[in-house]
Amino acid sequence: MKIIVDRFEDGLAVVETPDHHFFDMPLALLPEGIGVGSAVIISADPDEEKLRRERLAQRAKKL
């Protein structure tokens, strides 16, 4: 999903989604150097999720 930075308010970025919804996003979650009008790509990585679940299951077995 591509979001566009619309503006900055009180330490947050107000971003717009492709379907024209707006929401606040903490600046810490965005890459350095972005500005108003910057496009940010958000993606999910199913392989990473699977690896994290496996690691958690291994840790739980050790307990």
PDB file of N, CA and C in Angstrom:
ATOM      1  N   MET A   1       0.857  -1.165   0.000  1.00  0.00           N
ATOM      2  CA  MET A   1       0.000   0.000   0.000  1.00  0.00           C
ATOM      3  C   MET A   1       0.901   1.225   0.000  1.00  0.00           C
ATOM      4  N   LYS A   2       0.549   2.193  -0.803  1.00  0.00           N
ATOM      5  CA  LYS A   2       1.294   3.444  -0.840  1.00  0.00           C
ATOM      6  C   LYS A   2       0.480   4.503  -0.101  1.00  0.00           C
ATOM      7  N   ILE A   3       1.138   5.161   0.858  1.00  0.00           N
ATOM      8  CA  ILE A   3       0.510   6.280   1.554  1.00  0.00           C
ATOM      9  C   ILE A   3       1.296   7.543   1.227  1.00  0.00           C
ATOM     10  N   ILE A   4       0.619   8.662   1.307  1.00  0.00           N
ATOM     11  CA  ILE A   4       1.232   9.951   1.013  1.00  0.00           C
ATOM     12  C   ILE A   4       1.195  10.809   2.273  1.00  0.00           C
ATOM     13  N   VAL A   5       2.327  11.425   2.599  1.00  0.00           N
ATOM     14  CA  VAL A   5       2.381  12.320   3.754  1.00  0.00           C
ATOM     15  C   VAL A   5       1.672  13.610   3.368  1.00  0.00           C
ATOM     16  N   ASP A   6       0.616  13.926   4.102  1.00  0.00           N
ATOM     17  CA  ASP A   6      -0.175  15.125   3.826  1.00  0.00           C
ATOM     18  C   ASP A   6       0.359  16.326   4.602  1.00  0.00           C
ATOM     19  N   ARG A   7       0.689  16.088   5.882  1.00  0.00           N
ATOM     20  CA  ARG A   7       1.179  17.179   6.731  1.00  0.00           C
ATOM     21  C   ARG A   7       1.727  16.590   8.027  1.00  0.00           C
ATOM     22  N   PHE A   8       2.356  17.451   8.821  1.00  0.00           N
ATOM     23  CA  PHE A   8       2.867  17.071  10.138  1.00  0.00           C
ATOM     24  C   PHE A   8       2.140  17.875  11.203  1.00  0.00           C
ATOM     25  N   GLU A   9       1.730  17.187  12.276  1.00  0.00           N
ATOM     26  CA  GLU A   9       1.037  17.836  13.394  1.00  0.00           C
ATOM     27  C   GLU A   9       1.457  17.183  14.698  1.00  0.00           C
ATOM     28  N   ASP A  10       1.941  17.970  15.648  1.00  0.00           N
ATOM     29  CA  ASP A  10       2.220  17.500  17.005  1.00  0.00           C
ATOM     30  C   ASP A  10       3.042  16.209  17.047  1.00  0.00           C
ATOM     31  N   GLY A  11       4.100  16.144  16.277  1.00  0.00           N
ATOM     32  CA  GLY A  11       4.960  14.967  16.294  1.00  0.00           C
ATOM     33  C   GLY A  11       4.419  13.776  15.536  1.00  0.00           C
ATOM     34  N   LEU A  12       3.381  13.988  14.766  1.00  0.00           N
ATOM     35  CA  LEU A  12       2.788  12.919  13.967  1.00  0.00           C
ATOM     36  C   LEU A  12       2.762  13.334  12.499  1.00  0.00           C
ATOM     37  N   ALA A  13       2.744  12.347  11.638  1.00  0.00           N
ATOM     38  CA  ALA A  13       2.519  12.607  10.224  1.00  0.00           C
ATOM     39  C   ALA A  13       1.069  12.241   9.933  1.00  0.00           C
ATOM     40  N   VAL A  14       0.373  13.130   9.273  1.00  0.00           N
ATOM     41  CA  VAL A  14      -0.980  12.823   8.808  1.00  0.00           C
ATOM     42  C   VAL A  14      -0.799  12.299   7.396  1.00  0.00           C
ATOM     43  N   VAL A  15      -1.211  11.043   7.187  1.00  0.00           N
ATOM     44  CA  VAL A  15      -1.000  10.401   5.892  1.00  0.00           C
ATOM     45  C   VAL A  15      -2.332  10.077   5.238  1.00  0.00           C
ATOM     46  N   GLU A  16      -2.295  10.008   3.916  1.00  0.00           N
ATOM     47  CA  GLU A  16      -3.498   9.705   3.145  1.00  0.00           C
ATOM     48  C   GLU A  16      -3.324   8.365   2.447  1.00  0.00           C
ATOM     49  N   THR A  17      -4.354   7.542   2.516  1.00  0.00           N
ATOM     50  CA  THR A  17      -4.339   6.237   1.870  1.00  0.00           C
ATOM     51  C   THR A  17      -4.856   6.374   0.425  1.00  0.00           C
ATOM     52  N   PRO A  18      -4.675   5.346  -0.389  1.00  0.00           N
ATOM     53  CA  PRO A  18      -5.163   5.412  -1.771  1.00  0.00           C
ATOM     54  C   PRO A  18      -6.672   5.650  -1.884  1.00  0.00           C
ATOM     55  N   ASP A  19      -7.432   5.230  -0.868  1.00  0.00           N
ATOM     56  CA  ASP A  19      -8.886   5.453  -0.918  1.00  0.00           C
ATOM     57  C   ASP A  19      -9.298   6.733  -0.190  1.00  0.00           C
ATOM     58  N   HIS A  20      -8.336   7.634  -0.016  1.00  0.00           N
ATOM     59  CA  HIS A  20      -8.561   8.995   0.493  1.00  0.00           C
ATOM     60  C   HIS A  20      -8.969   9.063   1.966  1.00  0.00           C
ATOM     61  N   HIS A  21      -8.549   8.081   2.752  1.00  0.00           N
ATOM     62  CA  HIS A  21      -8.715   8.162   4.205  1.00  0.00           C
ATOM     63  C   HIS A  21      -7.440   8.757   4.790  1.00  0.00           C
ATOM     64  N   PHE A  22      -7.589   9.486   5.886  1.00  0.00           N
ATOM     65  CA  PHE A  22      -6.446  10.102   6.549  1.00  0.00           C
ATOM     66  C   PHE A  22      -6.284   9.485   7.930  1.00  0.00           C
ATOM     67  N   PHE A  23      -5.033   9.293   8.351  1.00  0.00           N
ATOM     68  CA  PHE A  23      -4.773   8.847   9.709  1.00  0.00           C
ATOM     69  C   PHE A  23      -3.424   9.360  10.169  1.00  0.00           C
ATOM     70  N   ASP A  24      -3.253   9.399  11.488  1.00  0.00           N
ATOM     71  CA  ASP A  24      -2.008   9.857  12.100  1.00  0.00           C
ATOM     72  C   ASP A  24      -1.041   8.696  12.233  1.00  0.00           C
ATOM     73  N   MET A  25       0.219   8.964  11.956  1.00  0.00           N
ATOM     74  CA  MET A  25       1.249   7.942  12.073  1.00  0.00           C
ATOM     75  C   MET A  25       2.429   8.551  12.829  1.00  0.00           C
ATOM     76  N   PRO A  26       2.924   7.868  13.874  1.00  0.00           N
ATOM     77  CA  PRO A  26       4.093   8.387  14.590  1.00  0.00           C
ATOM     78  C   PRO A  26       5.289   8.540  13.643  1.00  0.00           C
ATOM     79  N   LEU A  27       5.992   9.637  13.777  1.00  0.00           N
ATOM     80  CA  LEU A  27       7.143   9.892  12.913  1.00  0.00           C
ATOM     81  C   LEU A  27       8.196   8.794  13.039  1.00  0.00           C
ATOM     82  N   ALA A  28       8.291   8.169  14.204  1.00  0.00           N
ATOM     83  CA  ALA A  28       9.283   7.117  14.422  1.00  0.00           C
ATOM     84  C   ALA A  28       9.070   5.919  13.493  1.00  0.00           C
ATOM     85  N   LEU A  29       7.860   5.759  12.965  1.00  0.00           N
ATOM     86  CA  LEU A  29       7.577   4.644  12.071  1.00  0.00           C
ATOM     87  C   LEU A  29       7.890   4.955  10.609  1.00  0.00           C
ATOM     88  N   LEU A  30       8.234   6.184  10.335  1.00  0.00           N
ATOM     89  CA  LEU A  30       8.502   6.594   8.960  1.00  0.00           C
ATOM     90  C   LEU A  30       9.999   6.782   8.738  1.00  0.00           C
ATOM     91  N   PRO A  31      10.456   6.601   7.505  1.00  0.00           N
ATOM     92  CA  PRO A  31      11.883   6.780   7.229  1.00  0.00           C
ATOM     93  C   PRO A  31      12.317   8.225   7.414  1.00  0.00           C
ATOM     94  N   GLU A  32      13.599   8.405   7.738  1.00  0.00           N
ATOM     95  CA  GLU A  32      14.138   9.758   7.896  1.00  0.00           C
ATOM     96  C   GLU A  32      14.099  10.484   6.558  1.00  0.00           C
ATOM     97  N   GLY A  33      13.943  11.772   6.634  1.00  0.00           N
ATOM     98  CA  GLY A  33      14.031  12.589   5.435  1.00  0.00           C
ATOM     99  C   GLY A  33      12.754  12.729   4.643  1.00  0.00           C
ATOM    100  N   ILE A  34      11.666  12.161   5.129  1.00  0.00           N
ATOM    101  CA  ILE A  34      10.416  12.317   4.379  1.00  0.00           C
ATOM    102  C   ILE A  34       9.867  13.715   4.598  1.00  0.00           C
ATOM    103  N   GLY A  35       9.062  14.159   3.665  1.00  0.00           N
ATOM    104  CA  GLY A  35       8.448  15.466   3.777  1.00  0.00           C
ATOM    105  C   GLY A  35       7.022  15.415   3.271  1.00  0.00           C
ATOM    106  N   VAL A  36       6.377  16.547   3.317  1.00  0.00           N
ATOM    107  CA  VAL A  36       5.011  16.642   2.803  1.00  0.00           C
ATOM    108  C   VAL A  36       5.030  16.247   1.332  1.00  0.00           C
ATOM    109  N   GLY A  37       4.138  15.360   0.964  1.00  0.00           N
ATOM    110  CA  GLY A  37       4.062  14.878  -0.399  1.00  0.00           C
ATOM    111  C   GLY A  37       4.855  13.606  -0.650  1.00  0.00           C
ATOM    112  N   SER A  38       5.662  13.197   0.325  1.00  0.00           N
ATOM    113  CA  SER A  38       6.435  11.962   0.157  1.00  0.00           C
ATOM    114  C   SER A  38       5.516  10.752   0.114  1.00  0.00           C
ATOM    115  N   ALA A  39       5.866   9.810  -0.742  1.00  0.00           N
ATOM    116  CA  ALA A  39       5.143   8.544  -0.818  1.00  0.00           C
ATOM    117  C   ALA A  39       5.911   7.517   0.003  1.00  0.00           C
ATOM    118  N   VAL A  40       5.186   6.736   0.786  1.00  0.00           N
ATOM    119  CA  VAL A  40       5.772   5.685   1.615  1.00  0.00           C
ATOM    120  C   VAL A  40       5.050   4.386   1.287  1.00  0.00           C
ATOM    121  N   ILE A  41       5.823   3.344   1.022  1.00  0.00           N
ATOM    122  CA  ILE A  41       5.256   2.039   0.716  1.00  0.00           C
ATOM    123  C   ILE A  41       5.211   1.210   1.993  1.00  0.00           C
ATOM    124  N   ILE A  42       4.047   0.655   2.301  1.00  0.00           N
ATOM    125  CA  ILE A  42       3.873  -0.231   3.451  1.00  0.00           C
ATOM    126  C   ILE A  42       3.566  -1.619   2.903  1.00  0.00           C
ATOM    127  N   SER A  43       4.313  -2.606   3.381  1.00  0.00           N
ATOM    128  CA  SER A  43       4.077  -3.962   2.889  1.00  0.00           C
ATOM    129  C   SER A  43       4.146  -4.967   4.030  1.00  0.00           C
ATOM    130  N   ALA A  44       3.583  -6.123   3.783  1.00  0.00           N
ATOM    131  CA  ALA A  44       3.628  -7.228   4.740  1.00  0.00           C
ATOM    132  C   ALA A  44       4.535  -8.304   4.161  1.00  0.00           C
ATOM    133  N   ASP A  45       5.237  -8.999   5.031  1.00  0.00           N
ATOM    134  CA  ASP A  45       6.144 -10.061   4.602  1.00  0.00           C
ATOM    135  C   ASP A  45       5.729 -11.364   5.271  1.00  0.00           C
ATOM    136  N   PRO A  46       4.944 -12.188   4.577  1.00  0.00           N
ATOM    137  CA  PRO A  46       4.459 -13.435   5.184  1.00  0.00           C
ATOM    138  C   PRO A  46       5.592 -14.359   5.623  1.00  0.00           C
ATOM    139  N   ASP A  47       6.704 -14.365   4.896  1.00  0.00           N
ATOM    140  CA  ASP A  47       7.836 -15.212   5.276  1.00  0.00           C
ATOM    141  C   ASP A  47       8.419 -14.772   6.616  1.00  0.00           C
ATOM    142  N   GLU A  48       8.527 -13.477   6.824  1.00  0.00           N
ATOM    143  CA  GLU A  48       9.045 -12.963   8.100  1.00  0.00           C
ATOM    144  C   GLU A  48       8.100 -13.320   9.235  1.00  0.00           C
ATOM    145  N   GLU A  49       6.817 -13.208   8.992  1.00  0.00           N
ATOM    146  CA  GLU A  49       5.835 -13.562  10.017  1.00  0.00           C
ATOM    147  C   GLU A  49       5.978 -15.034  10.403  1.00  0.00           C
ATOM    148  N   LYS A  50       6.156 -15.889   9.421  1.00  0.00           N
ATOM    149  CA  LYS A  50       6.314 -17.324   9.686  1.00  0.00           C
ATOM    150  C   LYS A  50       7.569 -17.573  10.520  1.00  0.00           C
ATOM    151  N   LEU A  51       8.668 -16.924  10.167  1.00  0.00           N
ATOM    152  CA  LEU A  51       9.922 -17.084  10.930  1.00  0.00           C
ATOM    153  C   LEU A  51       9.756 -16.631  12.372  1.00  0.00           C
ATOM    154  N   ARG A  52       9.081 -15.516  12.586  1.00  0.00           N
ATOM    155  CA  ARG A  52       8.870 -15.014  13.952  1.00  0.00           C
ATOM    156  C   ARG A  52       8.017 -15.978  14.769  1.00  0.00           C
ATOM    157  N   ARG A  53       6.993 -16.518  14.150  1.00  0.00           N
ATOM    158  CA  ARG A  53       6.143 -17.493  14.856  1.00  0.00           C
ATOM    159  C   ARG A  53       6.944 -18.736  15.243  1.00  0.00           C
ATOM    160  N   GLU A  54       7.802 -19.198  14.339  1.00  0.00           N
ATOM    161  CA  GLU A  54       8.635 -20.366  14.629  1.00  0.00           C
ATOM    162  C   GLU A  54       9.605 -20.078  15.779  1.00  0.00           C
ATOM    163  N   ARG A  55      10.209 -18.905  15.765  1.00  0.00           N
ATOM    164  CA  ARG A  55      11.125 -18.532  16.859  1.00  0.00           C
ATOM    165  C   ARG A  55      10.396 -18.459  18.191  1.00  0.00           C
ATOM    166  N   LEU A  56       9.215 -17.891  18.188  1.00  0.00           N
ATOM    167  CA  LEU A  56       8.436 -17.821  19.430  1.00  0.00           C
ATOM    168  C   LEU A  56       8.066 -19.213  19.931  1.00  0.00           C
ATOM    169  N   ALA A  57       7.716 -20.091  19.023  1.00  0.00           N
ATOM    170  CA  ALA A  57       7.362 -21.464  19.419  1.00  0.00           C
ATOM    171  C   ALA A  57       8.570 -22.170  19.999  1.00  0.00           C
ATOM    172  N   GLN A  58       9.753 -21.960  19.440  1.00  0.00           N
ATOM    173  CA  GLN A  58      10.977 -22.556  19.966  1.00  0.00           C
ATOM    174  C   GLN A  58      11.289 -22.039  21.367  1.00  0.00           C
ATOM    175  N   ARG A  59      11.121 -20.745  21.555  1.00  0.00           N
ATOM    176  CA  ARG A  59      11.354 -20.162  22.892  1.00  0.00           C
ATOM    177  C   ARG A  59      10.385 -20.715  23.913  1.00  0.00           C
ATOM    178  N   ALA A  60       9.132 -20.878  23.498  1.00  0.00           N
ATOM    179  CA  ALA A  60       8.116 -21.397  24.424  1.00  0.00           C
ATOM    180  C   ALA A  60       8.443 -22.827  24.836  1.00  0.00           C
ATOM    181  N   LYS A  61       9.001 -23.615  23.948  1.00  0.00           N
ATOM    182  CA  LYS A  61       9.379 -24.987  24.262  1.00  0.00           C
ATOM    183  C   LYS A  61      10.487 -25.036  25.310  1.00  0.00           C
ATOM    184  N   LYS A  62      11.368 -24.031  25.283  1.00  0.00           N
ATOM    185  CA  LYS A  62      12.494 -23.995  26.219  1.00  0.00           C
ATOM    186  C   LYS A  62      12.070 -23.626  27.636  1.00  0.00           C
ATOM    187  N   LEU A  63      10.908 -23.013  27.771  1.00  0.00           N
ATOM    188  CA  LEU A  63      10.444 -22.573  29.086  1.00  0.00           C
ATOM    189  C   LEU A  63       9.925 -23.692  29.907  1.00  0.00           C
TER     190      LEU A  63
END
